[in-house]
Protein backbone atom coordinates (compact mmCIF):
# COMPACT_ATOMS: atom_id res chain seq x y z
CA MET A 1 0.00 0.00 -0.02
CA THR A 2 2.91 2.34 0.72
CA TYR A 3 4.07 2.05 -2.92
CA LEU A 4 0.59 3.26 -3.99
CA TRP A 5 0.83 6.27 -1.74
CA VAL A 6 4.33 7.05 -3.10
CA ALA A 7 3.05 6.75 -6.67
CA LEU A 8 0.05 8.93 -6.04
CA GLY A 9 2.21 11.58 -4.28
CA GLY A 10 4.81 11.45 -7.11
CA ALA A 11 2.12 12.10 -9.69
CA LEU A 12 0.78 15.12 -7.70
CA GLY A 13 4.27 16.47 -7.08
CA SER A 14 5.16 16.16 -10.82
CA VAL A 15 2.06 18.01 -11.84
CA ALA A 16 2.73 20.70 -9.27
CA ARG A 17 6.31 21.14 -10.55
CA TYR A 18 5.06 21.39 -14.14
CA ALA A 19 2.47 23.95 -13.10
CA CYS A 20 4.95 26.06 -11.11
CA SER A 21 7.57 26.04 -13.85
CA GLY A 22 5.00 27.00 -16.50
CA ALA A 23 3.64 29.81 -14.35
CA ALA A 24 7.18 31.18 -13.78
CA VAL A 25 7.83 31.27 -17.53
CA ARG A 26 4.60 33.02 -18.21
CA TRP A 27 5.10 35.57 -15.44
CA LEU A 28 8.87 36.12 -15.47
CA GLY A 29 9.99 34.94 -18.87
CA ALA A 30 12.24 32.12 -19.96
CA GLY A 31 15.59 33.94 -19.66
CA PHE A 32 16.39 32.42 -16.23
CA PRO A 33 15.08 29.14 -14.69
CA TYR A 34 12.92 30.88 -12.07
CA GLY A 35 10.47 27.97 -11.92
CA THR A 36 13.14 25.47 -11.17
CA LEU A 37 14.66 27.72 -8.56
CA PHE A 38 11.32 28.26 -6.89
CA VAL A 39 10.55 24.50 -6.96
CA ASN A 40 13.92 23.59 -5.51
CA VAL A 41 13.84 26.18 -2.73
CA SER A 42 10.16 25.60 -1.74
CA GLY A 43 10.61 21.85 -1.93
CA SER A 44 13.70 22.03 0.31
CA PHE A 45 11.80 24.18 2.77
CA ALA A 46 8.87 21.80 2.77
CA ILE A 47 10.96 18.64 3.30
CA GLY A 48 12.91 20.35 6.08
CA LEU A 49 9.71 21.40 7.79
CA LEU A 50 8.04 18.00 7.47
CA ALA A 51 11.21 16.08 8.55
CA ALA A 52 11.64 18.32 11.57
CA LEU A 53 8.00 18.08 12.77
CA ALA A 54 7.81 15.75 15.71
CA THR A 55 5.63 15.17 18.70
CA THR A 56 6.84 16.23 22.18
CA ASP A 57 8.35 12.81 22.73
CA GLY A 58 10.45 13.04 19.55
CA ARG A 59 8.51 10.57 17.43
CA PRO A 60 7.50 11.62 13.96
CA SER A 61 4.07 13.34 13.87
CA LEU A 62 3.27 11.58 10.60
CA GLY A 63 2.66 7.88 10.14
CA THR A 64 4.76 5.80 7.78
CA ASP A 65 2.34 6.01 4.82
CA ALA A 66 1.77 9.76 5.28
CA ARG A 67 5.56 10.37 5.37
CA ALA A 68 6.08 8.20 2.31
CA PHE A 69 3.24 10.05 0.49
CA LEU A 70 4.49 13.51 1.39
CA LEU A 71 8.32 13.27 1.62
CA VAL A 72 9.06 10.58 -0.99
CA GLY A 73 6.01 10.93 -3.26
CA VAL A 74 4.88 14.54 -3.41
CA LEU A 75 8.17 16.22 -2.66
CA GLY A 76 10.17 13.57 -4.60
CA GLY A 77 7.95 14.22 -7.62
CA PHE A 78 8.11 17.99 -7.04
CA THR A 79 11.90 18.11 -6.70
CA THR A 80 14.60 15.60 -5.85
CA PHE A 81 16.68 18.60 -4.83
CA SER A 82 14.70 18.64 -1.59
CA SER A 83 16.02 15.13 -0.77
CA PHE A 84 19.56 16.25 -1.59
CA SER A 85 19.10 19.24 0.67
CA LEU A 86 17.77 17.23 3.58
CA GLU A 87 20.42 14.54 3.33
CA THR A 88 23.26 17.12 3.15
CA LEU A 89 21.77 19.06 6.03
CA SER A 90 21.51 15.88 8.03
CA LEU A 91 25.16 15.07 7.48
CA ALA A 92 26.19 18.60 8.45
CA ARG A 93 24.01 18.65 11.57
CA SER A 94 25.48 15.31 12.73
CA GLY A 95 28.94 16.87 12.48
CA ALA A 96 29.92 15.17 9.25
CA LEU A 97 30.97 18.41 7.54
CA GLY A 98 33.43 16.75 5.15
CA PRO A 99 30.88 14.25 3.82
CA ALA A 100 28.30 16.99 3.58
CA ALA A 101 30.61 19.21 1.51
CA LEU A 102 31.62 16.18 -0.57
CA ASN A 103 28.02 15.48 -1.30
CA VAL A 104 27.48 19.05 -2.51
CA VAL A 105 30.62 19.08 -4.66
CA LEU A 106 30.05 15.53 -6.13
CA SER A 107 26.33 16.15 -6.78
CA ILE A 108 26.86 19.35 -8.64
CA ALA A 109 29.96 18.23 -10.55
CA LEU A 110 28.73 14.74 -11.43
CA CYS A 111 25.20 15.88 -12.33
CA LEU A 112 26.56 18.63 -14.62
CA PHE A 113 28.94 16.02 -16.14
CA GLY A 114 26.08 13.61 -16.54
CA ALA A 115 23.96 16.21 -18.36
CA TRP A 116 26.93 17.05 -20.62
CA LEU A 117 27.58 13.40 -21.28
CA GLY A 118 23.87 12.92 -22.20
CA PHE A 119 24.07 15.77 -24.70
CA ALA A 120 27.31 14.35 -26.10
CA ALA A 121 25.84 10.85 -26.39
CA ALA A 122 22.69 12.22 -28.14
CA GLY A 123 24.89 14.12 -30.56
CA LEU A 124 26.82 10.91 -31.31
CA LEU A 125 23.67 8.92 -31.83
CA ASN A 126 22.28 11.62 -34.17
CA ARG A 127 25.39 11.51 -36.26
CA MET A 128 25.26 7.71 -36.42
CA GLY A 129 21.60 7.55 -37.37
């Protein structure tokens, strides 16, 4: 059942991301990725808020299915940057500053490299076909 909640949340989050990005382009233009920036910042805020919410005894205030629906599904569909932000913050808060910094550097560098490599591979495939 948890998988169904994650799938439903992911669909809602993806639609919300698409709507926010489209609205940003209509309102602010396409010269800068305002929609992506808004989605990443607001998603990071939301995952931090939801992850930090706890009852007075320290237990999560949301049940397992609700957390999966919101954190993994909705926010995962909305932006995976929120997961990156929460995981990096968790490392830093636990005192693992080196691994937190490494996660930032590797994530940015490797993701940019991956995007470049994807473009290069597509160019190669286009030339071959």
